[in-house]
Amino acid sequence: MKNILIMGIGRAGKTTLSKMIKDKYINYNLIHSDALKWAMIRAENKEEFYRENVDKQKEFEHCEYFQRTLLELYKSLIRKDNKHYGYILESGQLHPKIVKEMIDFDNTTVICLGLGNLNIEDMVNLCIEHDTKEDWTYGLSREYLTKHAEDWYNSNEMLKKECPKYGIKYIDTSKDRRNILKDTLEKLEI
């Protein structure tokens, strides 16, 4: 059973796809990078600070130290997986270069979900369209979402450019997301 790493930008369907895989292949273990991020933040007793200073939170979660820690944890879990159940890692914080450097692509299927050529306003509209009560973006103002969409846009542009350089498949989920995710699930190398 191959391990699966799903990377990409916010609101592109990473969590949805990881849940779809877990539902279809129940033995997989699912890791959300945000769980490690908040564990590290809480361990330093800084949750209130990072919740009030979202820019600092984003800086922390996108720093190389956090990315390498996350990938080292993932690799450690894979090494200890004696029953070969496999692991799914879902993360919006990873850079393709670091992933290529640290992950064994023979043992792990790596895909990147992005929003193609959408502009910032279109990203906000798509976010609102797909929001559910479980999403951290649910009920946030358009102004607040626009601030985040600026980061999503910049990350999306970087991922479109960098993923092919490092042998990572970039999948545009901006149009017909549900069917694109279903198709991606069917074509996964498990």
Protein backbone atom coordinates (compact mmCIF):
# COMPACT_ATOMS: atom_id res chain seq x y z
CA MET A 1 0.00 0.00 0.00
CA LYS A 2 1.52 3.34 -1.04
CA ASN A 3 1.50 6.29 1.30
CA ILE A 4 -0.22 9.45 0.06
CA LEU A 5 0.82 13.06 0.51
CA ILE A 6 -1.78 15.66 -0.49
CA MET A 7 -0.42 19.17 -0.57
CA GLY A 8 -1.80 22.41 -1.96
CA ILE A 9 -3.50 25.65 -1.17
CA GLY A 10 -6.38 26.44 1.16
CA ARG A 11 -9.86 25.63 -0.09
CA ALA A 12 -8.66 23.43 -3.00
CA GLY A 13 -10.12 20.20 -1.55
CA LYS A 14 -7.21 18.63 0.35
CA THR A 15 -9.27 17.64 3.39
CA THR A 16 -12.17 16.46 1.24
CA LEU A 17 -9.90 14.24 -0.88
CA SER A 18 -8.11 12.84 2.17
CA LYS A 19 -11.47 11.89 3.72
CA MET A 20 -12.59 10.31 0.44
CA ILE A 21 -9.44 8.16 0.38
CA LYS A 22 -9.89 7.21 4.04
CA ASP A 23 -13.54 6.26 3.41
CA LYS A 24 -12.61 4.06 0.44
CA TYR A 25 -9.48 2.53 1.99
CA ILE A 26 -10.33 2.33 5.69
CA ASN A 27 -6.95 1.00 6.84
CA TYR A 28 -5.13 4.22 5.99
CA ASN A 29 -4.07 6.47 8.84
CA LEU A 30 -4.88 10.14 8.24
CA ILE A 31 -2.69 13.01 9.42
CA HIS A 32 -3.73 16.65 9.13
CA SER A 33 -0.76 19.01 9.32
CA ASP A 34 -2.82 21.52 11.28
CA ALA A 35 -2.96 19.02 14.17
CA LEU A 36 0.83 19.06 14.45
CA LYS A 37 0.93 22.84 14.03
CA TRP A 38 -1.49 23.42 16.92
CA ALA A 39 0.22 20.76 19.06
CA MET A 40 3.54 22.57 18.66
CA ILE A 41 1.92 25.94 19.37
CA ARG A 42 0.08 24.64 22.46
CA ALA A 43 3.25 22.93 23.73
CA GLU A 44 4.85 26.38 23.84
CA ASN A 45 1.72 27.83 25.49
CA LYS A 46 1.25 30.29 22.61
CA GLU A 47 -2.21 29.45 21.29
CA GLU A 48 -3.74 32.79 22.25
CA PHE A 49 -0.85 34.69 20.66
CA TYR A 50 -1.12 32.81 17.35
CA ARG A 51 -4.91 33.02 17.24
CA GLU A 52 -4.67 36.80 17.66
CA ASN A 53 -1.71 37.17 15.27
CA VAL A 54 -2.72 35.17 12.20
CA ASP A 55 0.19 36.60 10.17
CA LYS A 56 2.63 35.16 12.72
CA GLN A 57 0.74 31.85 12.64
CA LYS A 58 1.08 31.70 8.84
CA GLU A 59 4.76 32.61 9.10
CA PHE A 60 5.31 29.74 11.56
CA GLU A 61 3.40 27.10 9.59
CA HIS A 62 5.18 27.95 6.34
CA CYS A 63 8.67 28.12 7.80
CA GLU A 64 11.16 25.47 6.77
CA TYR A 65 11.48 24.19 10.34
CA PHE A 66 7.78 23.33 10.55
CA GLN A 67 7.75 21.73 7.09
CA ARG A 68 10.77 19.55 7.88
CA THR A 69 9.34 18.57 11.30
CA LEU A 70 6.04 17.59 9.69
CA LEU A 71 7.75 15.50 7.02
CA GLU A 72 10.07 13.86 9.56
CA LEU A 73 7.04 12.86 11.64
CA TYR A 74 5.35 11.46 8.52
CA LYS A 75 8.47 9.48 7.56
CA SER A 76 8.84 8.15 11.13
CA LEU A 77 5.26 6.91 11.15
CA ILE A 78 5.72 5.24 7.77
CA ARG A 79 8.89 3.46 8.99
CA LYS A 80 7.03 2.09 12.02
CA ASP A 81 4.01 0.91 9.94
CA ASN A 82 4.71 -2.82 10.26
CA LYS A 83 1.22 -3.77 9.08
CA HIS A 84 1.55 -1.60 5.96
CA TYR A 85 -1.72 0.21 6.48
CA GLY A 86 -0.30 3.34 4.93
CA TYR A 87 -0.49 7.01 5.81
CA ILE A 88 -2.21 9.97 4.24
CA LEU A 89 -0.68 13.36 5.02
CA GLU A 90 -2.78 16.38 4.14
CA SER A 91 -1.00 19.74 4.30
CA GLY A 92 -1.31 23.26 2.99
CA GLN A 93 2.11 24.25 4.25
CA LEU A 94 4.57 22.32 2.10
CA HIS A 95 6.95 23.57 -0.57
CA PRO A 96 7.60 21.18 -3.49
CA LYS A 97 11.39 21.42 -3.17
CA ILE A 98 11.35 20.27 0.46
CA VAL A 99 8.87 17.48 -0.33
CA LYS A 100 11.06 16.20 -3.17
CA GLU A 101 14.14 16.34 -0.94
CA MET A 102 12.57 14.47 1.98
CA ILE A 103 9.95 12.06 0.57
CA ASP A 104 10.51 8.73 -1.19
CA PHE A 105 8.33 9.08 -4.30
CA ASP A 106 8.60 5.31 -4.94
CA ASN A 107 6.76 4.65 -1.68
CA THR A 108 4.51 7.74 -1.62
CA THR A 109 2.05 9.18 -4.12
CA VAL A 110 2.39 12.97 -3.97
CA ILE A 111 -0.23 15.26 -5.44
CA CYS A 112 -0.89 18.97 -5.21
CA LEU A 113 -4.36 20.50 -5.32
CA GLY A 114 -4.64 24.06 -6.56
CA LEU A 115 -7.09 26.52 -8.03
CA GLY A 116 -5.72 26.84 -11.55
CA ASN A 117 -5.91 30.33 -12.96
CA LEU A 118 -8.46 31.82 -10.57
CA ASN A 119 -7.92 35.38 -9.41
CA ILE A 120 -8.32 36.47 -5.79
CA GLU A 121 -11.99 37.41 -6.10
CA ASP A 122 -12.82 34.10 -7.77
CA MET A 123 -11.00 32.24 -4.97
CA VAL A 124 -13.11 34.03 -2.36
CA ASN A 125 -16.30 33.19 -4.25
CA LEU A 126 -15.28 29.54 -4.59
CA CYS A 127 -14.46 29.40 -0.89
CA ILE A 128 -17.89 30.75 0.04
CA GLU A 129 -19.57 28.34 -2.39
CA HIS A 130 -17.91 25.26 -0.86
CA ASP A 131 -17.88 26.34 2.80
CA THR A 132 -19.51 24.08 5.37
CA LYS A 133 -19.84 24.57 9.13
CA GLU A 134 -16.78 22.36 9.63
CA ASP A 135 -14.51 24.69 7.62
CA TRP A 136 -12.40 27.26 9.44
CA THR A 137 -13.47 29.83 6.84
CA TYR A 138 -17.19 29.32 7.49
CA GLY A 139 -19.01 32.55 8.22
CA LEU A 140 -15.96 34.79 7.86
CA SER A 141 -16.40 38.17 6.21
CA ARG A 142 -15.57 38.66 2.56
CA GLU A 143 -12.88 41.15 3.62
CA TYR A 144 -11.18 38.60 5.89
CA LEU A 145 -11.41 35.88 3.23
CA THR A 146 -9.92 38.25 0.65
CA LYS A 147 -6.87 38.76 2.89
CA HIS A 148 -6.38 34.97 3.02
CA ALA A 149 -7.12 34.60 -0.68
CA GLU A 150 -4.18 36.88 -1.44
CA ASP A 151 -1.92 34.30 0.23
CA TRP A 152 -3.75 31.45 -1.53
CA TYR A 153 -3.24 33.18 -4.86
CA ASN A 154 0.50 33.65 -4.30
CA SER A 155 0.90 30.06 -3.08
CA ASN A 156 -1.12 28.78 -6.02
CA GLU A 157 1.09 30.61 -8.52
CA MET A 158 4.21 29.22 -6.84
CA LEU A 159 2.83 25.65 -6.79
CA LYS A 160 1.80 25.77 -10.46
CA LYS A 161 5.37 26.75 -11.33
CA GLU A 162 7.32 24.61 -8.84
CA CYS A 163 5.41 21.30 -8.73
CA PRO A 164 6.31 20.21 -12.29
CA LYS A 165 9.99 20.95 -11.57
CA TYR A 166 9.95 18.42 -8.74
CA GLY A 167 7.79 15.72 -10.33
CA ILE A 168 4.64 16.57 -8.38
CA LYS A 169 1.29 16.41 -10.16
CA TYR A 170 -0.63 19.70 -9.86
CA ILE A 171 -4.40 19.20 -10.07
CA ASP A 172 -6.68 22.16 -10.74
CA THR A 173 -9.87 21.77 -8.68
CA SER A 174 -11.36 25.16 -9.54
CA LYS A 175 -13.95 23.81 -11.97
CA ASP A 176 -16.22 20.86 -11.17
CA ARG A 177 -14.32 20.13 -7.97
CA ARG A 178 -16.46 17.17 -6.91
CA ASN A 179 -15.86 15.24 -10.15
CA ILE A 180 -12.17 16.16 -10.28
CA LEU A 181 -11.69 14.80 -6.75
CA LYS A 182 -13.62 11.62 -7.62
CA ASP A 183 -11.48 11.17 -10.72
CA THR A 184 -8.32 11.78 -8.69
CA LEU A 185 -9.42 9.15 -6.17
CA GLU A 186 -10.03 6.60 -8.92
CA LYS A 187 -6.62 7.22 -10.52
CA LEU A 188 -4.59 7.13 -7.29
CA GLU A 189 -1.69 4.70 -7.26
CA ILE A 190 -2.43 2.72 -4.12
